[in-house]
PDB file of N, CA and C in Angstrom:
ATOM      1  N   THR A   1      92.209  88.808  97.629  1.00  0.00           N
ATOM      2  CA  THR A   1      92.431  89.796  99.066  1.00  0.00           C
ATOM      3  C   THR A   1      94.067  89.886  99.430  1.00  0.00           C
ATOM      4  N   ILE A   2      94.204  90.941 100.112  1.00  0.00           N
ATOM      5  CA  ILE A   2      95.253  92.241  99.832  1.00  0.00           C
ATOM      6  C   ILE A   2      96.442  91.467 100.861  1.00  0.00           C
ATOM      7  N   SER A   3      97.523  90.816 100.842  1.00  0.00           N
ATOM      8  CA  SER A   3      98.425  90.364 101.937  1.00  0.00           C
ATOM      9  C   SER A   3      98.194  91.322 102.596  1.00  0.00           C
ATOM     10  N   GLU A   4      99.192  90.836 104.016  1.00  0.00           N
ATOM     11  CA  GLU A   4      99.182  91.499 104.663  1.00  0.00           C
ATOM     12  C   GLU A   4     100.243  92.755 105.211  1.00  0.00           C
ATOM     13  N   LYS A   5     101.061  92.565 104.464  1.00  0.00           N
ATOM     14  CA  LYS A   5     102.389  93.065 103.882  1.00  0.00           C
ATOM     15  C   LYS A   5     101.913  94.863 103.699  1.00  0.00           C
ATOM     16  N   ASN A   6     101.030  94.362 102.147  1.00  0.00           N
ATOM     17  CA  ASN A   6     100.629  95.164 101.149  1.00  0.00           C
ATOM     18  C   ASN A   6      99.149  95.784 102.119  1.00  0.00           C
ATOM     19  N   THR A   7      98.674  95.715 103.461  1.00  0.00           N
ATOM     20  CA  THR A   7      97.581  96.213 104.142  1.00  0.00           C
ATOM     21  C   THR A   7      98.289  96.816 104.832  1.00  0.00           C
ATOM     22  N   SER A   8      99.398  96.813 105.395  1.00  0.00           N
ATOM     23  CA  SER A   8     100.058  98.011 106.225  1.00  0.00           C
ATOM     24  C   SER A   8     101.073  98.908 104.939  1.00  0.00           C
ATOM     25  N   ASN A   9     101.366  98.140 104.693  1.00  0.00           N
ATOM     26  CA  ASN A   9     101.958 100.074 103.307  1.00  0.00           C
ATOM     27  C   ASN A   9     100.354 101.074 102.972  1.00  0.00           C
ATOM     28  N   ILE A  10      99.644 100.210 102.605  1.00  0.00           N
ATOM     29  CA  ILE A  10      98.218 101.470 102.131  1.00  0.00           C
ATOM     30  C   ILE A  10      97.802 101.507 103.585  1.00  0.00           C
ATOM     31  N   ALA A  11      97.818 101.597 105.005  1.00  0.00           N
ATOM     32  CA  ALA A  11      97.260 102.111 105.181  1.00  0.00           C
ATOM     33  C   ALA A  11      98.427 103.519 106.155  1.00  0.00           C
ATOM     34  N   ILE A  12      99.560 102.476 106.418  1.00  0.00           N
ATOM     35  CA  ILE A  12     100.781 103.934 106.709  1.00  0.00           C
ATOM     36  C   ILE A  12     100.714 104.772 105.579  1.00  0.00           C
ATOM     37  N   CYS A  13     100.842 103.935 104.134  1.00  0.00           N
ATOM     38  CA  CYS A  13     100.945 105.756 102.866  1.00  0.00           C
ATOM     39  C   CYS A  13      99.301 106.603 102.745  1.00  0.00           C
ATOM     40  N   SER A  14      98.438 106.464 103.772  1.00  0.00           N
ATOM     41  CA  SER A  14      96.964 106.687 103.243  1.00  0.00           C
ATOM     42  C   SER A  14      97.895 107.898 104.809  1.00  0.00           C
ATOM     43  N   ILE A  15      98.227 107.027 106.260  1.00  0.00           N
ATOM     44  CA  ILE A  15      98.142 108.405 107.075  1.00  0.00           C
ATOM     45  C   ILE A  15      99.420 109.644 106.542  1.00  0.00           C
ATOM     46  N   PHE A  16     100.458 109.069 105.382  1.00  0.00           N
ATOM     47  CA  PHE A  16     101.120 110.019 105.402  1.00  0.00           C
ATOM     48  C   PHE A  16     101.417 110.901 104.928  1.00  0.00           C
ATOM     49  N   ILE A  17     100.382 110.923 103.952  1.00  0.00           N
ATOM     50  CA  ILE A  17     100.081 111.661 102.164  1.00  0.00           C
ATOM     51  C   ILE A  17      99.151 112.626 103.427  1.00  0.00           C
ATOM     52  N   SER A  18      97.780 111.963 104.375  1.00  0.00           N
ATOM     53  CA  SER A  18      96.745 112.731 104.911  1.00  0.00           C
ATOM     54  C   SER A  18      97.765 114.039 105.718  1.00  0.00           C
ATOM     55  N   LEU A  19      99.431 113.881 106.228  1.00  0.00           N
ATOM     56  CA  LEU A  19     100.313 114.244 107.050  1.00  0.00           C
ATOM     57  C   LEU A  19     100.689 115.713 106.231  1.00  0.00           C
ATOM     58  N   ILE A  20     100.801 114.722 104.912  1.00  0.00           N
ATOM     59  CA  ILE A  20     102.203 116.129 103.976  1.00  0.00           C
ATOM     60  C   ILE A  20     100.800 117.092 103.529  1.00  0.00           C
ATOM     61  N   ILE A  21      99.793 116.527 103.799  1.00  0.00           N
ATOM     62  CA  ILE A  21      98.507 117.800 102.971  1.00  0.00           C
ATOM     63  C   ILE A  21      98.326 118.566 104.100  1.00  0.00           C
ATOM     64  N   THR A  22      98.233 118.060 105.233  1.00  0.00           N
ATOM     65  CA  THR A  22      98.541 118.773 106.660  1.00  0.00           C
ATOM     66  C   THR A  22      99.220 120.296 106.974  1.00  0.00           C
ATOM     67  N   PHE A  23     100.097 119.818 106.253  1.00  0.00           N
ATOM     68  CA  PHE A  23     101.535 120.829 106.705  1.00  0.00           C
ATOM     69  C   PHE A  23     101.343 121.322 105.904  1.00  0.00           C
ATOM     70  N   PHE A  24     101.393 121.358 104.175  1.00  0.00           N
ATOM     71  CA  PHE A  24     100.991 121.994 103.202  1.00  0.00           C
ATOM     72  C   PHE A  24      99.879 123.403 103.899  1.00  0.00           C
ATOM     73  N   TYR A  25      98.616 122.976 104.235  1.00  0.00           N
ATOM     74  CA  TYR A  25      97.974 124.024 104.357  1.00  0.00           C
ATOM     75  C   TYR A  25      98.462 124.709 105.916  1.00  0.00           C
ATOM     76  N   ALA A  26      99.284 124.011 107.258  1.00  0.00           N
ATOM     77  CA  ALA A  26      99.937 124.407 108.095  1.00  0.00           C
ATOM     78  C   ALA A  26     101.045 125.596 107.989  1.00  0.00           C
ATOM     79  N   ILE A  27     101.694 125.119 106.129  1.00  0.00           N
ATOM     80  CA  ILE A  27     102.663 126.679 106.161  1.00  0.00           C
ATOM     81  C   ILE A  27     102.274 127.916 105.743  1.00  0.00           C
ATOM     82  N   HIS A  28     100.559 127.484 104.506  1.00  0.00           N
ATOM     83  CA  HIS A  28      99.528 128.464 104.297  1.00  0.00           C
ATOM     84  C   HIS A  28      99.300 129.788 105.522  1.00  0.00           C
ATOM     85  N   PHE A  29      99.174 128.626 106.565  1.00  0.00           N
ATOM     86  CA  PHE A  29      98.792 129.409 107.520  1.00  0.00           C
ATOM     87  C   PHE A  29     100.026 130.221 108.272  1.00  0.00           C
ATOM     88  N   THR A  30     100.724 130.022 108.701  1.00  0.00           N
ATOM     89  CA  THR A  30     101.839 130.621 108.407  1.00  0.00           C
ATOM     90  C   THR A  30     101.800 132.234 108.336  1.00  0.00           C
ATOM     91  N   ASN A  31     101.405 132.593 107.262  1.00  0.00           N
ATOM     92  CA  ASN A  31     101.641 133.492 106.775  1.00  0.00           C
ATOM     93  C   ASN A  31     100.552 133.607 105.958  1.00  0.00           C
ATOM     94  N   TYR A  32      99.286 133.759 106.783  1.00  0.00           N
ATOM     95  CA  TYR A  32      97.782 133.860 107.119  1.00  0.00           C
ATOM     96  C   TYR A  32      97.265 133.761 107.869  1.00  0.00           C
ATOM     97  N   PRO A  33      98.046 133.803 109.453  1.00  0.00           N
ATOM     98  CA  PRO A  33      97.123 133.422 110.407  1.00  0.00           C
ATOM     99  C   PRO A  33      95.806 133.914 110.443  1.00  0.00           C
ATOM    100  N   SER A  34      94.684 135.053 110.464  1.00  0.00           N
ATOM    101  CA  SER A  34      93.748 134.854 111.095  1.00  0.00           C
ATOM    102  C   SER A  34      92.356 134.110 109.909  1.00  0.00           C
ATOM    103  N   GLN A  35      93.668 133.990 108.382  1.00  0.00           N
ATOM    104  CA  GLN A  35      92.140 133.555 107.288  1.00  0.00           C
ATOM    105  C   GLN A  35      91.662 131.606 108.378  1.00  0.00           C
ATOM    106  N   ILE A  36      90.381 131.381 107.703  1.00  0.00           N
ATOM    107  CA  ILE A  36      89.849 130.239 107.941  1.00  0.00           C
ATOM    108  C   ILE A  36      89.248 130.132 106.872  1.00  0.00           C
ATOM    109  N   PHE A  37      89.080 129.166 106.582  1.00  0.00           N
ATOM    110  CA  PHE A  37      88.909 128.789 105.335  1.00  0.00           C
ATOM    111  C   PHE A  37      87.596 127.734 105.618  1.00  0.00           C
ATOM    112  N   THR A  38      86.229 127.739 105.023  1.00  0.00           N
ATOM    113  CA  THR A  38      84.959 127.207 105.047  1.00  0.00           C
ATOM    114  C   THR A  38      84.198 126.698 103.919  1.00  0.00           C
ATOM    115  N   GLN A  39      84.010 125.853 103.887  1.00  0.00           N
ATOM    116  CA  GLN A  39      82.975 124.728 102.524  1.00  0.00           C
ATOM    117  C   GLN A  39      81.994 124.343 103.203  1.00  0.00           C
ATOM    118  N   ASN A  40      80.860 125.133 102.543  1.00  0.00           N
ATOM    119  CA  ASN A  40      79.341 124.801 103.067  1.00  0.00           C
ATOM    120  C   ASN A  40      79.377 123.254 101.977  1.00  0.00           C
ATOM    121  N   LEU A  41      78.703 122.958 103.375  1.00  0.00           N
ATOM    122  CA  LEU A  41      78.609 121.277 102.125  1.00  0.00           C
ATOM    123  C   LEU A  41      77.293 121.143 101.363  1.00  0.00           C
ATOM    124  N   PHE A  42      76.013 121.256 102.767  1.00  0.00           N
ATOM    125  CA  PHE A  42      75.058 121.538 102.743  1.00  0.00           C
ATOM    126  C   PHE A  42      73.459 122.787 103.231  1.00  0.00           C
ATOM    127  N   ASN A  43      72.393 122.901 103.096  1.00  0.00           N
ATOM    128  CA  ASN A  43      72.007 123.529 104.175  1.00  0.00           C
ATOM    129  C   ASN A  43      70.532 122.205 104.811  1.00  0.00           C
ATOM    130  N   LEU A  44      71.201 122.844 106.907  1.00  0.00           N
ATOM    131  CA  LEU A  44      70.398 121.270 107.028  1.00  0.00           C
ATOM    132  C   LEU A  44      69.727 122.505 107.190  1.00  0.00           C
ATOM    133  N   ILE A  45      68.630 123.060 107.826  1.00  0.00           N
ATOM    134  CA  ILE A  45      67.654 123.374 107.711  1.00  0.00           C
ATOM    135  C   ILE A  45      67.383 125.016 108.064  1.00  0.00           C
ATOM    136  N   SER A  46      66.329 125.156 106.642  1.00  0.00           N
ATOM    137  CA  SER A  46      66.082 125.713 106.403  1.00  0.00           C
ATOM    138  C   SER A  46      64.859 126.580 106.719  1.00  0.00           C
ATOM    139  N   VAL A  47      63.755 127.345 107.967  1.00  0.00           N
ATOM    140  CA  VAL A  47      63.433 127.960 107.926  1.00  0.00           C
ATOM    141  C   VAL A  47      62.622 129.012 108.851  1.00  0.00           C
ATOM    142  N   ASP A  48      61.841 130.304 107.150  1.00  0.00           N
ATOM    143  CA  ASP A  48      61.789 131.294 107.528  1.00  0.00           C
ATOM    144  C   ASP A  48      63.097 131.774 107.464  1.00  0.00           C
ATOM    145  N   LYS A  49      64.451 132.285 108.573  1.00  0.00           N
ATOM    146  CA  LYS A  49      65.189 133.445 108.675  1.00  0.00           C
ATOM    147  C   LYS A  49      65.903 132.070 109.970  1.00  0.00           C
ATOM    148  N   LEU A  50      65.803 131.082 109.659  1.00  0.00           N
ATOM    149  CA  LEU A  50      66.560 130.492 110.243  1.00  0.00           C
ATOM    150  C   LEU A  50      67.505 129.509 109.269  1.00  0.00           C
ATOM    151  N   ASN A  51      68.619 130.208 109.140  1.00  0.00           N
ATOM    152  CA  ASN A  51      68.799 128.964 108.199  1.00  0.00           C
ATOM    153  C   ASN A  51      70.461 128.584 109.461  1.00  0.00           C
ATOM    154  N   ILE A  52      70.483 127.020 108.812  1.00  0.00           N
ATOM    155  CA  ILE A  52      71.224 126.227 109.323  1.00  0.00           C
ATOM    156  C   ILE A  52      72.332 125.810 108.384  1.00  0.00           C
ATOM    157  N   ASP A  53      73.780 125.789 108.102  1.00  0.00           N
ATOM    158  CA  ASP A  53      74.461 125.010 107.120  1.00  0.00           C
ATOM    159  C   ASP A  53      74.973 123.586 107.838  1.00  0.00           C
ATOM    160  N   PHE A  54      75.483 123.121 107.363  1.00  0.00           N
ATOM    161  CA  PHE A  54      76.283 122.018 107.091  1.00  0.00           C
ATOM    162  C   PHE A  54      78.065 122.596 106.551  1.00  0.00           C
ATOM    163  N   SER A  55      78.836 122.790 107.658  1.00  0.00           N
ATOM    164  CA  SER A  55      79.987 123.532 107.071  1.00  0.00           C
ATOM    165  C   SER A  55      81.344 122.215 107.554  1.00  0.00           C
ATOM    166  N   LEU A  56      82.060 122.964 106.344  1.00  0.00           N
ATOM    167  CA  LEU A  56      83.711 122.924 107.303  1.00  0.00           C
ATOM    168  C   LEU A  56      84.456 123.742 107.544  1.00  0.00           C
ATOM    169  N   ILE A  57      85.113 123.943 108.862  1.00  0.00           N
ATOM    170  CA  ILE A  57      85.930 125.242 109.317  1.00  0.00           C
ATOM    171  C   ILE A  57      87.076 124.309 109.324  1.00  0.00           C
ATOM    172  N   LEU A  58      88.014 125.001 108.655  1.00  0.00           N
ATOM    173  CA  LEU A  58      89.804 124.926 108.953  1.00  0.00           C
ATOM    174  C   LEU A  58      90.573 126.176 109.410  1.00  0.00           C
ATOM    175  N   ASP A  59      90.462 125.547 110.633  1.00  0.00           N
ATOM    176  CA  ASP A  59      90.823 127.734 110.907  1.00  0.00           C
ATOM    177  C   ASP A  59      92.351 126.870 111.868  1.00  0.00           C
ATOM    178  N   GLY A  60      93.095 127.676 112.517  1.00  0.00           N
ATOM    179  CA  GLY A  60      94.245 127.103 113.584  1.00  0.00           C
ATOM    180  C   GLY A  60      94.204 126.152 113.850  1.00  0.00           C
ATOM    181  N   LEU A  61      93.138 126.085 115.276  1.00  0.00           N
ATOM    182  CA  LEU A  61      93.422 125.502 116.004  1.00  0.00           C
ATOM    183  C   LEU A  61      92.369 124.120 115.148  1.00  0.00           C
ATOM    184  N   SER A  62      91.633 124.085 114.840  1.00  0.00           N
ATOM    185  CA  SER A  62      91.617 122.450 113.918  1.00  0.00           C
ATOM    186  C   SER A  62      92.731 122.032 112.892  1.00  0.00           C
ATOM    187  N   LEU A  63      93.650 123.307 112.381  1.00  0.00           N
ATOM    188  CA  LEU A  63      94.895 122.857 111.948  1.00  0.00           C
ATOM    189  C   LEU A  63      95.950 121.942 112.830  1.00  0.00           C
ATOM    190  N   SER A  64      95.758 122.044 114.325  1.00  0.00           N
ATOM    191  CA  SER A  64      96.608 122.167 114.869  1.00  0.00           C
ATOM    192  C   SER A  64      96.651 119.728 115.730  1.00  0.00           C
ATOM    193  N   MET A  65      94.747 120.053 115.578  1.00  0.00           N
ATOM    194  CA  MET A  65      94.364 119.341 116.117  1.00  0.00           C
ATOM    195  C   MET A  65      95.345 117.818 115.187  1.00  0.00           C
ATOM    196  N   LEU A  66      94.757 118.539 114.420  1.00  0.00           N
ATOM    197  CA  LEU A  66      94.937 117.612 113.178  1.00  0.00           C
ATOM    198  C   LEU A  66      96.143 116.419 112.185  1.00  0.00           C
ATOM    199  N   SER A  67      97.112 117.798 112.813  1.00  0.00           N
ATOM    200  CA  SER A  67      98.341 118.178 112.562  1.00  0.00           C
ATOM    201  C   SER A  67      99.011 116.778 113.450  1.00  0.00           C
ATOM    202  N   MET A  68      98.022 116.887 115.077  1.00  0.00           N
ATOM    203  CA  MET A  68      98.456 115.651 115.986  1.00  0.00           C
ATOM    204  C   MET A  68      97.703 114.473 115.841  1.00  0.00           C
ATOM    205  N   ILE A  69      96.480 114.837 116.055  1.00  0.00           N
ATOM    206  CA  ILE A  69      96.107 113.377 115.658  1.00  0.00           C
ATOM    207  C   ILE A  69      96.915 112.645 114.871  1.00  0.00           C
ATOM    208  N   LEU A  70      97.236 113.183 113.368  1.00  0.00           N
ATOM    209  CA  LEU A  70      97.760 111.877 112.166  1.00  0.00           C
ATOM    210  C   LEU A  70      99.173 111.906 112.421  1.00  0.00           C
ATOM    211  N   GLY A  71     100.103 112.661 112.927  1.00  0.00           N
ATOM    212  CA  GLY A  71     101.456 112.495 113.405  1.00  0.00           C
ATOM    213  C   GLY A  71     100.950 111.326 114.706  1.00  0.00           C
ATOM    214  N   VAL A  72     100.282 110.982 115.589  1.00  0.00           N
ATOM    215  CA  VAL A  72     100.328 109.932 116.121  1.00  0.00           C
ATOM    216  C   VAL A  72     100.156 109.172 116.119  1.00  0.00           C
ATOM    217  N   GLY A  73      99.007 109.031 114.639  1.00  0.00           N
ATOM    218  CA  GLY A  73      98.441 108.031 114.334  1.00  0.00           C
ATOM    219  C   GLY A  73      99.595 107.153 113.054  1.00  0.00           C
ATOM    220  N   LEU A  74     100.279 108.406 112.519  1.00  0.00           N
ATOM    221  CA  LEU A  74     101.428 107.793 111.405  1.00  0.00           C
ATOM    222  C   LEU A  74     101.827 106.201 112.800  1.00  0.00           C
ATOM    223  N   LEU A  75     102.753 107.693 113.721  1.00  0.00           N
ATOM    224  CA  LEU A  75     103.395 106.224 114.826  1.00  0.00           C
ATOM    225  C   LEU A  75     102.970 105.752 115.190  1.00  0.00           C
ATOM    226  N   ILE A  76     101.588 105.398 115.681  1.00  0.00           N
ATOM    227  CA  ILE A  76     100.759 104.206 115.699  1.00  0.00           C
ATOM    228  C   ILE A  76     100.714 102.936 114.435  1.00  0.00           C
ATOM    229  N   HIS A  77     100.995 103.180 113.363  1.00  0.00           N
ATOM    230  CA  HIS A  77     100.933 102.513 112.577  1.00  0.00           C
ATOM    231  C   HIS A  77     102.063 101.993 112.255  1.00  0.00           C
ATOM    232  N   ILE A  78     103.090 102.903 111.984  1.00  0.00           N
ATOM    233  CA  ILE A  78     104.231 102.230 112.128  1.00  0.00           C
ATOM    234  C   ILE A  78     104.884 100.673 112.674  1.00  0.00           C
ATOM    235  N   PHE A  79     104.693 101.292 113.828  1.00  0.00           N
ATOM    236  CA  PHE A  79     105.644 100.815 115.591  1.00  0.00           C
ATOM    237  C   PHE A  79     103.964  99.296 115.064  1.00  0.00           C
ATOM    238  N   SER A  80     102.533  99.181 115.354  1.00  0.00           N
ATOM    239  CA  SER A  80     102.134  98.123 114.966  1.00  0.00           C
ATOM    240  C   SER A  80     102.063  97.528 113.559  1.00  0.00           C
ATOM    241  N   SER A  81     102.711  97.943 113.053  1.00  0.00           N
ATOM    242  CA  SER A  81     102.922  96.420 111.379  1.00  0.00           C
ATOM    243  C   SER A  81     104.337  96.791 111.720  1.00  0.00           C
ATOM    244  N   TRP A  82     105.514  96.542 112.250  1.00  0.00           N
ATOM    245  CA  TRP A  82     106.116  95.553 113.590  1.00  0.00           C
ATOM    246  C   TRP A  82     105.206  95.032 114.474  1.00  0.00           C
ATOM    247  N   TYR A  83     105.200  95.465 115.538  1.00  0.00           N
ATOM    248  CA  TYR A  83     104.454  94.698 116.131  1.00  0.00           C
ATOM    249  C   TYR A  83     103.351  93.408 116.249  1.00  0.00           C
ATOM    250  N   MET A  84     102.223  93.917 115.068  1.00  0.00           N
ATOM    251  CA  MET A  84     100.980  92.967 115.277  1.00  0.00           C
ATOM    252  C   MET A  84     101.825  92.262 114.083  1.00  0.00           C
ATOM    253  N   LYS A  85     102.884  92.221 113.664  1.00  0.00           N
ATOM    254  CA  LYS A  85     102.882  90.864 111.838  1.00  0.00           C
ATOM    255  C   LYS A  85     102.713  89.671 111.972  1.00  0.00           C
ATOM    256  N   ASN A  86     102.157  88.878 112.241  1.00  0.00           N
ATOM    257  CA  ASN A  86     101.627  87.468 111.810  1.00  0.00           C
ATOM    258  C   ASN A  86     101.017  87.583 113.009  1.00  0.00           C
ATOM    259  N   LYS A  87     100.166  88.316 113.532  1.00  0.00           N
ATOM    260  CA  LYS A  87      99.352  87.826 114.281  1.00  0.00           C
ATOM    261  C   LYS A  87      97.708  87.783 114.366  1.00  0.00           C
ATOM    262  N   GLU A  88      97.068  86.539 114.301  1.00  0.00           N
ATOM    263  CA  GLU A  88      95.295  87.156 114.238  1.00  0.00           C
ATOM    264  C   GLU A  88      94.432  88.831 113.825  1.00  0.00           C
ATOM    265  N   GLY A  89      93.611  88.924 113.136  1.00  0.00           N
ATOM    266  CA  GLY A  89      93.436  90.460 112.817  1.00  0.00           C
ATOM    267  C   GLY A  89      94.103  91.345 112.431  1.00  0.00           C
ATOM    268  N   TYR A  90      95.152  90.763 111.496  1.00  0.00           N
ATOM    269  CA  TYR A  90      96.177  91.672 111.536  1.00  0.00           C
ATOM    270  C   TYR A  90      95.632  93.333 110.370  1.00  0.00           C
ATOM    271  N   SER A  91      94.936  92.437 109.140  1.00  0.00           N
ATOM    272  CA  SER A  91      94.558  93.636 108.854  1.00  0.00           C
ATOM    273  C   SER A  91      92.779  94.545 109.174  1.00  0.00           C
ATOM    274  N   ARG A  92      92.415  93.929 110.040  1.00  0.00           N
ATOM    275  CA  ARG A  92      91.571  94.332 110.537  1.00  0.00           C
ATOM    276  C   ARG A  92      91.431  95.698 111.585  1.00  0.00           C
ATOM    277  N   PHE A  93      93.002  95.546 112.196  1.00  0.00           N
ATOM    278  CA  PHE A  93      93.241  96.394 112.902  1.00  0.00           C
ATOM    279  C   PHE A  93      93.354  97.430 112.356  1.00  0.00           C
ATOM    280  N   PHE A  94      94.553  97.423 110.934  1.00  0.00           N
ATOM    281  CA  PHE A  94      94.897  98.590 110.622  1.00  0.00           C
ATOM    282  C   PHE A  94      93.187  99.187 109.721  1.00  0.00           C
ATOM    283  N   ALA A  95      92.399  98.274 109.578  1.00  0.00           N
ATOM    284  CA  ALA A  95      91.086  98.865 109.185  1.00  0.00           C
ATOM    285  C   ALA A  95      90.520  99.339 109.819  1.00  0.00           C
ATOM    286  N   TYR A  96      90.493  98.710 110.947  1.00  0.00           N
ATOM    287  CA  TYR A  96      89.542  99.660 112.094  1.00  0.00           C
ATOM    288  C   TYR A  96      90.791 101.026 112.864  1.00  0.00           C
ATOM    289  N   THR A  97      91.985 100.686 112.836  1.00  0.00           N
ATOM    290  CA  THR A  97      92.747 102.327 113.636  1.00  0.00           C
ATOM    291  C   THR A  97      92.366 103.582 111.721  1.00  0.00           C
ATOM    292  N   ASN A  98      92.457 102.687 110.337  1.00  0.00           N
ATOM    293  CA  ASN A  98      91.946 103.849 109.753  1.00  0.00           C
ATOM    294  C   ASN A  98      90.171 104.554 109.899  1.00  0.00           C
ATOM    295  N   LEU A  99      89.686 103.445 110.249  1.00  0.00           N
ATOM    296  CA  LEU A  99      88.313 104.243 110.869  1.00  0.00           C
ATOM    297  C   LEU A  99      88.406 105.253 111.406  1.00  0.00           C
ATOM    298  N   PHE A 100      89.664 104.821 112.537  1.00  0.00           N
ATOM    299  CA  PHE A 100      89.269 106.382 113.725  1.00  0.00           C
ATOM    300  C   PHE A 100      90.467 107.224 113.687  1.00  0.00           C
ATOM    301  N   ILE A 101      90.984 107.149 112.890  1.00  0.00           N
ATOM    302  CA  ILE A 101      91.813 108.214 112.535  1.00  0.00           C
ATOM    303  C   ILE A 101      90.746 108.908 111.774  1.00  0.00           C
ATOM    304  N   SER A 102      90.727 109.030 110.885  1.00  0.00           N
ATOM    305  CA  SER A 102      89.617 109.950 109.331  1.00  0.00           C
ATOM    306  C   SER A 102      87.803 110.371 110.159  1.00  0.00           C
TER     307      SER A 102
END
């Protein structure tokens, strides 16, 4: 099994890396504010002329929400690694909070 220290380090690093990637996209969006990234994943329903796609869309609003959630989540993880030290359910807590943030 993974030790408690490694559990918190992995959780904090995963959120931090996600936040860094988000900041790179934020820098790109400041240069091109009207651009929207769309990634079509698959076609959900296709009947005659009705086409419903399952897509991921990244625009300014979704990027700002992503930055806020990751920033607050990172602060929660850092504080919790100190506060929850030597408590029961330490690893489970980080697993659940990473699941919530993702």
